[in-house]
């Protein structure tokens, strides 16, 4: 299913516009899109609009040709899986429990053997099986973020919206998680949009990059083109140099 956005505007109040005339249709199934831009530029608001958490013009956002209004809230929530920027929980539930609840969300509450197997496999894939019986409230910030990612992967949506999924992770786990998200995106043939501050992660893992500034889409396209563009340097207020390693991996060096 493709995601298309036409003339999307959003304001929290009449004197506080956040998103301005966003038009984009470059989100393709099986491709990972990196959404980049400075702090407070509207990335999280954009995600909340697409996820249906903020009220917008019902025809501005379509998935598979159907708008939010045509699809209905429950069906839209099954299609669009959103991971917010922060995750924390003090609930007296184990890691296994909260991941199982995520899988069963909006799909009935009868737990099958398949559900249990999928949760166990997801824990193993993320190398957090050892946390299975730990209470979520006792975990570190990085561990809670890994659990949040597991809650996304264990579901079967048409779209992933991940708002800075690597912000609390160390370097090794950042690479592992981005690799898993990219592989899951391709294997499932879904649309994935990941908000990132680390331009090197965008360069390494994204098929498509969207640059946002002050609530507007400035440019979108292939990583090499967007990351080397004058618009990127102007947006961040830095000098940008792009290099390619001997393995063909793009790297971004920034200087003032």
C-alpha atoms as a PDB file:
ATOM      1  CA  UNK A   1       0.000   0.000   0.000  1.00  0.00           C
ATOM      2  CA  UNK A   2       1.275   3.468  -0.841  1.00  0.00           C
ATOM      3  CA  UNK A   3       1.031   6.580   1.312  1.00  0.00           C
ATOM      4  CA  UNK A   4       0.064   9.842  -0.362  1.00  0.00           C
ATOM      5  CA  UNK A   5      -0.227  13.251   1.279  1.00  0.00           C
ATOM      6  CA  UNK A   6      -1.823  16.242  -0.428  1.00  0.00           C
ATOM      7  CA  UNK A   7      -2.129  19.752   0.972  1.00  0.00           C
ATOM      8  CA  UNK A   8      -1.620  18.713   4.582  1.00  0.00           C
ATOM      9  CA  UNK A   9      -1.761  21.623   7.016  1.00  0.00           C
ATOM     10  CA  UNK A  10      -1.970  21.530  10.784  1.00  0.00           C
ATOM     11  CA  UNK A  11      -2.042  24.079  13.597  1.00  0.00           C
ATOM     12  CA  UNK A  12      -2.431  23.510  17.333  1.00  0.00           C
ATOM     13  CA  UNK A  13      -4.161  26.881  17.497  1.00  0.00           C
ATOM     14  CA  UNK A  14      -5.088  29.623  15.034  1.00  0.00           C
ATOM     15  CA  UNK A  15      -1.856  31.486  15.740  1.00  0.00           C
ATOM     16  CA  UNK A  16       0.419  28.424  15.899  1.00  0.00           C
ATOM     17  CA  UNK A  17       0.672  26.712  12.488  1.00  0.00           C
ATOM     18  CA  UNK A  18       3.033  23.728  12.487  1.00  0.00           C
ATOM     19  CA  UNK A  19       2.676  21.980   9.107  1.00  0.00           C
ATOM     20  CA  UNK A  20       2.366  23.929   5.857  1.00  0.00           C
ATOM     21  CA  UNK A  21       1.049  22.568   2.538  1.00  0.00           C
ATOM     22  CA  UNK A  22       2.781  19.206   2.681  1.00  0.00           C
ATOM     23  CA  UNK A  23       2.539  17.300  -0.591  1.00  0.00           C
ATOM     24  CA  UNK A  24       4.462  14.080  -1.097  1.00  0.00           C
ATOM     25  CA  UNK A  25       3.886  10.688  -2.699  1.00  0.00           C
ATOM     26  CA  UNK A  26       7.371   9.186  -2.597  1.00  0.00           C
ATOM     27  CA  UNK A  27       6.600   6.700   0.184  1.00  0.00           C
ATOM     28  CA  UNK A  28       6.783   3.281  -1.518  1.00  0.00           C
ATOM     29  CA  UNK A  29       6.115  -0.218  -0.176  1.00  0.00           C
ATOM     30  CA  UNK A  30       9.308  -2.057   0.695  1.00  0.00           C
ATOM     31  CA  UNK A  31      11.314   1.143   1.093  1.00  0.00           C
ATOM     32  CA  UNK A  32      12.560   2.808   4.250  1.00  0.00           C
ATOM     33  CA  UNK A  33      12.193   6.593   4.272  1.00  0.00           C
ATOM     34  CA  UNK A  34      14.281   8.704   6.655  1.00  0.00           C
ATOM     35  CA  UNK A  35      12.535  11.889   7.775  1.00  0.00           C
ATOM     36  CA  UNK A  36      15.209  14.409   8.768  1.00  0.00           C
ATOM     37  CA  UNK A  37      15.270  18.006   9.937  1.00  0.00           C
ATOM     38  CA  UNK A  38      16.171  20.146  12.960  1.00  0.00           C
ATOM     39  CA  UNK A  39      14.420  20.025  16.325  1.00  0.00           C
ATOM     40  CA  UNK A  40      10.932  21.549  16.506  1.00  0.00           C
ATOM     41  CA  UNK A  41      10.486  21.428  12.757  1.00  0.00           C
ATOM     42  CA  UNK A  42       7.258  19.388  12.871  1.00  0.00           C
ATOM     43  CA  UNK A  43       8.395  15.776  12.425  1.00  0.00           C
ATOM     44  CA  UNK A  44       6.532  14.435  15.466  1.00  0.00           C
ATOM     45  CA  UNK A  45       3.416  16.413  14.560  1.00  0.00           C
ATOM     46  CA  UNK A  46       3.619  15.006  11.044  1.00  0.00           C
ATOM     47  CA  UNK A  47       3.710  11.458  12.448  1.00  0.00           C
ATOM     48  CA  UNK A  48       0.751  12.117  14.733  1.00  0.00           C
ATOM     49  CA  UNK A  49      -1.264  13.455  11.808  1.00  0.00           C
ATOM     50  CA  UNK A  50      -0.518  10.389   9.687  1.00  0.00           C
ATOM     51  CA  UNK A  51      -1.261   8.095  12.638  1.00  0.00           C
ATOM     52  CA  UNK A  52      -4.643   9.774  13.066  1.00  0.00           C
ATOM     53  CA  UNK A  53      -3.895  11.123  16.542  1.00  0.00           C
ATOM     54  CA  UNK A  54      -4.405  14.730  15.420  1.00  0.00           C
ATOM     55  CA  UNK A  55      -7.431  15.892  13.488  1.00  0.00           C
ATOM     56  CA  UNK A  56      -6.676  16.991   9.931  1.00  0.00           C
ATOM     57  CA  UNK A  57      -8.553  17.367   6.669  1.00  0.00           C
ATOM     58  CA  UNK A  58      -9.763  13.808   6.219  1.00  0.00           C
ATOM     59  CA  UNK A  59      -8.789  13.732   2.537  1.00  0.00           C
ATOM     60  CA  UNK A  60      -5.213  14.992   2.999  1.00  0.00           C
ATOM     61  CA  UNK A  61      -3.739  11.590   3.899  1.00  0.00           C
ATOM     62  CA  UNK A  62      -4.476   8.357   2.057  1.00  0.00           C
ATOM     63  CA  UNK A  63      -3.120   4.829   2.404  1.00  0.00           C
ATOM     64  CA  UNK A  64      -3.795   2.520  -0.497  1.00  0.00           C
ATOM     65  CA  UNK A  65      -6.007   5.206  -2.013  1.00  0.00           C
ATOM     66  CA  UNK A  66      -8.304   5.429   1.020  1.00  0.00           C
ATOM     67  CA  UNK A  67      -8.467   8.368   3.428  1.00  0.00           C
ATOM     68  CA  UNK A  68      -8.682   8.161   7.201  1.00  0.00           C
ATOM     69  CA  UNK A  69     -12.392   8.957   7.090  1.00  0.00           C
ATOM     70  CA  UNK A  70     -13.096   6.291   4.463  1.00  0.00           C
ATOM     71  CA  UNK A  71     -11.072   3.686   6.316  1.00  0.00           C
ATOM     72  CA  UNK A  72     -12.415   4.293   9.838  1.00  0.00           C
ATOM     73  CA  UNK A  73     -10.419   4.713  13.039  1.00  0.00           C
ATOM     74  CA  UNK A  74     -10.080   1.033  14.005  1.00  0.00           C
ATOM     75  CA  UNK A  75      -9.041  -0.092  10.535  1.00  0.00           C
ATOM     76  CA  UNK A  76      -6.638   2.863  10.227  1.00  0.00           C
ATOM     77  CA  UNK A  77      -5.021   1.932  13.540  1.00  0.00           C
ATOM     78  CA  UNK A  78      -4.483  -1.582  12.230  1.00  0.00           C
ATOM     79  CA  UNK A  79      -2.872  -0.232   9.044  1.00  0.00           C
ATOM     80  CA  UNK A  80      -0.675   2.439  10.608  1.00  0.00           C
ATOM     81  CA  UNK A  81       1.642   1.438  13.458  1.00  0.00           C
ATOM     82  CA  UNK A  82       3.131   4.450  15.273  1.00  0.00           C
ATOM     83  CA  UNK A  83       6.034   4.417  17.728  1.00  0.00           C
ATOM     84  CA  UNK A  84       6.290   7.741  19.598  1.00  0.00           C
ATOM     85  CA  UNK A  85       9.549   9.434  20.481  1.00  0.00           C
ATOM     86  CA  UNK A  86       9.430   8.403  24.132  1.00  0.00           C
ATOM     87  CA  UNK A  87       8.207   5.212  25.761  1.00  0.00           C
ATOM     88  CA  UNK A  88       7.865   4.584  29.460  1.00  0.00           C
ATOM     89  CA  UNK A  89       5.612   2.447  31.586  1.00  0.00           C
ATOM     90  CA  UNK A  90       5.188   1.780  35.276  1.00  0.00           C
ATOM     91  CA  UNK A  91       2.595  -0.929  34.684  1.00  0.00           C
ATOM     92  CA  UNK A  92       3.080  -4.140  36.643  1.00  0.00           C
ATOM     93  CA  UNK A  93       3.458  -6.125  33.424  1.00  0.00           C
ATOM     94  CA  UNK A  94       6.332  -8.175  32.116  1.00  0.00           C
ATOM     95  CA  UNK A  95       8.087  -7.482  28.830  1.00  0.00           C
ATOM     96  CA  UNK A  96       6.445 -10.569  27.327  1.00  0.00           C
ATOM     97  CA  UNK A  97       3.010  -9.344  28.448  1.00  0.00           C
ATOM     98  CA  UNK A  98       3.280  -5.870  26.911  1.00  0.00           C
ATOM     99  CA  UNK A  99       4.553  -7.216  23.594  1.00  0.00           C
ATOM    100  CA  UNK A 100       1.743  -9.778  23.513  1.00  0.00           C
ATOM    101  CA  UNK A 101      -0.783  -7.018  24.241  1.00  0.00           C
ATOM    102  CA  UNK A 102       0.616  -5.014  21.317  1.00  0.00           C
ATOM    103  CA  UNK A 103       0.139  -7.982  19.000  1.00  0.00           C
ATOM    104  CA  UNK A 104      -3.445  -8.514  20.132  1.00  0.00           C
ATOM    105  CA  UNK A 105      -4.381  -4.825  20.023  1.00  0.00           C
ATOM    106  CA  UNK A 106      -7.501  -4.328  17.845  1.00  0.00           C
ATOM    107  CA  UNK A 107      -7.394  -8.000  16.826  1.00  0.00           C
ATOM    108  CA  UNK A 108      -9.373  -9.686  19.611  1.00  0.00           C
ATOM    109  CA  UNK A 109      -7.974 -10.875  22.894  1.00  0.00           C
ATOM    110  CA  UNK A 110      -7.951 -14.656  22.475  1.00  0.00           C
ATOM    111  CA  UNK A 111      -4.273 -15.692  22.600  1.00  0.00           C
ATOM    112  CA  UNK A 112      -3.212 -18.462  20.245  1.00  0.00           C
ATOM    113  CA  UNK A 113      -0.097 -20.617  20.187  1.00  0.00           C
ATOM    114  CA  UNK A 114       0.978 -18.639  17.122  1.00  0.00           C
ATOM    115  CA  UNK A 115       0.773 -15.371  19.083  1.00  0.00           C
ATOM    116  CA  UNK A 116       3.019 -16.748  21.813  1.00  0.00           C
ATOM    117  CA  UNK A 117       5.482 -18.090  19.237  1.00  0.00           C
ATOM    118  CA  UNK A 118       5.655 -14.784  17.342  1.00  0.00           C
ATOM    119  CA  UNK A 119       6.319 -12.843  20.555  1.00  0.00           C
ATOM    120  CA  UNK A 120       9.084 -15.271  21.557  1.00  0.00           C
ATOM    121  CA  UNK A 121      10.647 -15.040  18.083  1.00  0.00           C
ATOM    122  CA  UNK A 122      10.534 -11.231  18.194  1.00  0.00           C
ATOM    123  CA  UNK A 123      12.275 -11.165  21.563  1.00  0.00           C
ATOM    124  CA  UNK A 124      14.958 -13.448  20.160  1.00  0.00           C
ATOM    125  CA  UNK A 125      15.341 -11.364  16.983  1.00  0.00           C
ATOM    126  CA  UNK A 126      15.991  -8.259  19.102  1.00  0.00           C
ATOM    127  CA  UNK A 127      18.269 -10.169  21.506  1.00  0.00           C
ATOM    128  CA  UNK A 128      16.104  -9.302  24.514  1.00  0.00           C
ATOM    129  CA  UNK A 129      14.787 -12.766  25.400  1.00  0.00           C
ATOM    130  CA  UNK A 130      16.564 -12.440  28.726  1.00  0.00           C
ATOM    131  CA  UNK A 131      14.198  -9.572  29.596  1.00  0.00           C
ATOM    132  CA  UNK A 132      11.073 -11.614  28.929  1.00  0.00           C
ATOM    133  CA  UNK A 133       9.996 -11.933  32.577  1.00  0.00           C
ATOM    134  CA  UNK A 134      11.300  -8.541  33.725  1.00  0.00           C
ATOM    135  CA  UNK A 135       8.791  -5.846  34.648  1.00  0.00           C
ATOM    136  CA  UNK A 136       8.731  -3.030  32.112  1.00  0.00           C
ATOM    137  CA  UNK A 137       8.900  -0.356  34.820  1.00  0.00           C
ATOM    138  CA  UNK A 138      12.229  -1.766  36.034  1.00  0.00           C
ATOM    139  CA  UNK A 139      13.998  -1.416  32.681  1.00  0.00           C
ATOM    140  CA  UNK A 140      16.488   1.236  31.617  1.00  0.00           C
ATOM    141  CA  UNK A 141      15.534   3.813  28.998  1.00  0.00           C
ATOM    142  CA  UNK A 142      17.377   1.921  26.275  1.00  0.00           C
ATOM    143  CA  UNK A 143      15.768  -1.377  27.247  1.00  0.00           C
ATOM    144  CA  UNK A 144      12.316   0.225  27.243  1.00  0.00           C
ATOM    145  CA  UNK A 145      13.006   1.558  23.761  1.00  0.00           C
ATOM    146  CA  UNK A 146      13.901  -1.962  22.603  1.00  0.00           C
ATOM    147  CA  UNK A 147      10.589  -3.194  24.030  1.00  0.00           C
ATOM    148  CA  UNK A 148       8.756  -0.432  22.184  1.00  0.00           C
ATOM    149  CA  UNK A 149      10.412  -1.535  18.932  1.00  0.00           C
ATOM    150  CA  UNK A 150       9.371  -5.125  19.660  1.00  0.00           C
ATOM    151  CA  UNK A 151       5.775  -3.920  20.093  1.00  0.00           C
ATOM    152  CA  UNK A 152       5.940  -2.488  16.572  1.00  0.00           C
ATOM    153  CA  UNK A 153       7.564  -5.488  14.900  1.00  0.00           C
ATOM    154  CA  UNK A 154       5.190  -8.001  16.487  1.00  0.00           C
ATOM    155  CA  UNK A 155       2.232  -6.408  14.702  1.00  0.00           C
ATOM    156  CA  UNK A 156       1.261  -6.746  11.045  1.00  0.00           C
ATOM    157  CA  UNK A 157       0.454  -3.245   9.714  1.00  0.00           C
ATOM    158  CA  UNK A 158       0.784  -1.658   6.293  1.00  0.00           C
ATOM    159  CA  UNK A 159       3.024   1.096   7.638  1.00  0.00           C
ATOM    160  CA  UNK A 160       5.628   1.756  10.323  1.00  0.00           C
ATOM    161  CA  UNK A 161       5.989   5.305  11.705  1.00  0.00           C
ATOM    162  CA  UNK A 162       9.008   5.361  14.004  1.00  0.00           C
ATOM    163  CA  UNK A 163       9.849   8.616  15.760  1.00  0.00           C
ATOM    164  CA  UNK A 164      13.563   8.532  16.649  1.00  0.00           C
ATOM    165  CA  UNK A 165      13.631   4.793  17.465  1.00  0.00           C
ATOM    166  CA  UNK A 166      17.393   4.786  18.180  1.00  0.00           C
ATOM    167  CA  UNK A 167      17.655   7.873  20.416  1.00  0.00           C
ATOM    168  CA  UNK A 168      18.284   5.926  23.659  1.00  0.00           C
ATOM    169  CA  UNK A 169      20.399   3.158  22.154  1.00  0.00           C
ATOM    170  CA  UNK A 170      24.146   2.636  21.983  1.00  0.00           C
ATOM    171  CA  UNK A 171      25.912   2.455  18.621  1.00  0.00           C
ATOM    172  CA  UNK A 172      25.730  -1.320  18.208  1.00  0.00           C
ATOM    173  CA  UNK A 173      22.011  -1.430  18.996  1.00  0.00           C
ATOM    174  CA  UNK A 174      21.341   1.521  16.675  1.00  0.00           C
ATOM    175  CA  UNK A 175      22.863  -0.416  13.781  1.00  0.00           C
ATOM    176  CA  UNK A 176      21.080  -3.625  14.730  1.00  0.00           C
ATOM    177  CA  UNK A 177      17.665  -1.975  15.058  1.00  0.00           C
ATOM    178  CA  UNK A 178      17.928   0.011  11.839  1.00  0.00           C
ATOM    179  CA  UNK A 179      18.998  -3.157  10.025  1.00  0.00           C
ATOM    180  CA  UNK A 180      16.019  -5.050  11.427  1.00  0.00           C
ATOM    181  CA  UNK A 181      13.587  -2.252  10.497  1.00  0.00           C
ATOM    182  CA  UNK A 182      14.999  -2.110   6.959  1.00  0.00           C
ATOM    183  CA  UNK A 183      14.825  -5.900   6.566  1.00  0.00           C
ATOM    184  CA  UNK A 184      11.268  -6.094   7.963  1.00  0.00           C
ATOM    185  CA  UNK A 185      10.202  -3.287   5.635  1.00  0.00           C
ATOM    186  CA  UNK A 186      11.483  -5.116   2.565  1.00  0.00           C
ATOM    187  CA  UNK A 187      10.277  -8.560   3.642  1.00  0.00           C
ATOM    188  CA  UNK A 188       6.748  -7.342   4.412  1.00  0.00           C
ATOM    189  CA  UNK A 189       6.533  -4.904   1.504  1.00  0.00           C
ATOM    190  CA  UNK A 190       5.305  -2.100   3.758  1.00  0.00           C
ATOM    191  CA  UNK A 191       5.895   1.640   3.989  1.00  0.00           C
ATOM    192  CA  UNK A 192       8.318   2.664   6.755  1.00  0.00           C
ATOM    193  CA  UNK A 193       9.104   6.228   7.784  1.00  0.00           C
ATOM    194  CA  UNK A 194      11.756   6.761  10.449  1.00  0.00           C
ATOM    195  CA  UNK A 195      12.540  10.152  11.974  1.00  0.00           C
ATOM    196  CA  UNK A 196      16.288  10.406  12.524  1.00  0.00           C
ATOM    197  CA  UNK A 197      18.729  13.001  13.814  1.00  0.00           C
ATOM    198  CA  UNK A 198      21.767  10.914  12.895  1.00  0.00           C
ATOM    199  CA  UNK A 199      22.409  11.642   9.221  1.00  0.00           C
ATOM    200  CA  UNK A 200      24.817   8.715   8.985  1.00  0.00           C
ATOM    201  CA  UNK A 201      22.037   6.295   9.909  1.00  0.00           C
ATOM    202  CA  UNK A 202      19.878   7.901   7.227  1.00  0.00           C
ATOM    203  CA  UNK A 203      22.709   7.585   4.705  1.00  0.00           C
ATOM    204  CA  UNK A 204      23.368   3.953   5.571  1.00  0.00           C
ATOM    205  CA  UNK A 205      19.859   2.512   5.832  1.00  0.00           C
ATOM    206  CA  UNK A 206      17.365   4.719   3.982  1.00  0.00           C
ATOM    207  CA  UNK A 207      16.128   4.151   0.444  1.00  0.00           C
ATOM    208  CA  UNK A 208      14.492   7.576   0.420  1.00  0.00           C
ATOM    209  CA  UNK A 209      15.124  10.756   2.421  1.00  0.00           C
ATOM    210  CA  UNK A 210      12.688  13.582   3.155  1.00  0.00           C
ATOM    211  CA  UNK A 211      14.059  16.884   4.461  1.00  0.00           C
ATOM    212  CA  UNK A 212      11.722  18.999   6.589  1.00  0.00           C
ATOM    213  CA  UNK A 213      12.259  22.562   7.799  1.00  0.00           C
ATOM    214  CA  UNK A 214       9.846  24.800   9.695  1.00  0.00           C
ATOM    215  CA  UNK A 215       6.887  22.565   8.960  1.00  0.00           C
ATOM    216  CA  UNK A 216       7.533  22.316   5.223  1.00  0.00           C
ATOM    217  CA  UNK A 217       8.964  19.609   3.001  1.00  0.00           C
ATOM    218  CA  UNK A 218      12.078  21.160   1.494  1.00  0.00           C
ATOM    219  CA  UNK A 219      13.195  18.230  -0.650  1.00  0.00           C
ATOM    220  CA  UNK A 220      12.894  14.465  -1.049  1.00  0.00           C
ATOM    221  CA  UNK A 221      14.775  11.873  -3.036  1.00  0.00           C
ATOM    222  CA  UNK A 222      17.688   9.448  -2.938  1.00  0.00           C
ATOM    223  CA  UNK A 223      19.954   9.707   0.145  1.00  0.00           C
ATOM    224  CA  UNK A 224      23.053  10.695  -1.845  1.00  0.00           C
ATOM    225  CA  UNK A 225      21.182  13.536  -3.547  1.00  0.00           C
ATOM    226  CA  UNK A 226      19.447  14.963  -0.465  1.00  0.00           C
ATOM    227  CA  UNK A 227      22.381  14.631   1.913  1.00  0.00           C
ATOM    228  CA  UNK A 228      24.725  16.387  -0.529  1.00  0.00           C
ATOM    229  CA  UNK A 229      22.248  19.154  -1.363  1.00  0.00           C
ATOM    230  CA  UNK A 230      22.726  22.857  -0.517  1.00  0.00           C
ATOM    231  CA  UNK A 231      19.251  22.743   1.098  1.00  0.00           C
ATOM    232  CA  UNK A 232      20.481  20.290   3.736  1.00  0.00           C
ATOM    233  CA  UNK A 233      23.494  22.418   4.645  1.00  0.00           C
ATOM    234  CA  UNK A 234      21.311  25.522   4.801  1.00  0.00           C
ATOM    235  CA  UNK A 235      18.671  23.782   6.912  1.00  0.00           C
ATOM    236  CA  UNK A 236      21.158  22.676   9.565  1.00  0.00           C
ATOM    237  CA  UNK A 237      23.448  25.689   9.268  1.00  0.00           C
ATOM    238  CA  UNK A 238      26.560  23.565   8.767  1.00  0.00           C
ATOM    239  CA  UNK A 239      28.960  22.521   6.033  1.00  0.00           C
ATOM    240  CA  UNK A 240      28.360  18.982   4.766  1.00  0.00           C
ATOM    241  CA  UNK A 241      30.810  16.584   3.118  1.00  0.00           C
ATOM    242  CA  UNK A 242      29.666  13.228   1.750  1.00  0.00           C
ATOM    243  CA  UNK A 243      32.068  10.307   1.441  1.00  0.00           C
ATOM    244  CA  UNK A 244      31.696   6.696   0.379  1.00  0.00           C
ATOM    245  CA  UNK A 245      33.544   3.896   2.134  1.00  0.00           C
ATOM    246  CA  UNK A 246      35.244   1.051   0.294  1.00  0.00           C
ATOM    247  CA  UNK A 247      32.122  -1.007   1.068  1.00  0.00           C
ATOM    248  CA  UNK A 248      29.915   1.522  -0.689  1.00  0.00           C
ATOM    249  CA  UNK A 249      28.423   2.998   2.496  1.00  0.00           C
ATOM    250  CA  UNK A 250      27.698   6.739   2.469  1.00  0.00           C
ATOM    251  CA  UNK A 251      29.062   8.746   5.383  1.00  0.00           C
ATOM    252  CA  UNK A 252      28.244  12.318   6.355  1.00  0.00           C
ATOM    253  CA  UNK A 253      30.776  14.723   7.887  1.00  0.00           C
ATOM    254  CA  UNK A 254      29.517  18.048   9.221  1.00  0.00           C
ATOM    255  CA  UNK A 255      31.476  21.106  10.267  1.00  0.00           C
ATOM    256  CA  UNK A 256      30.694  24.684  11.303  1.00  0.00           C
END
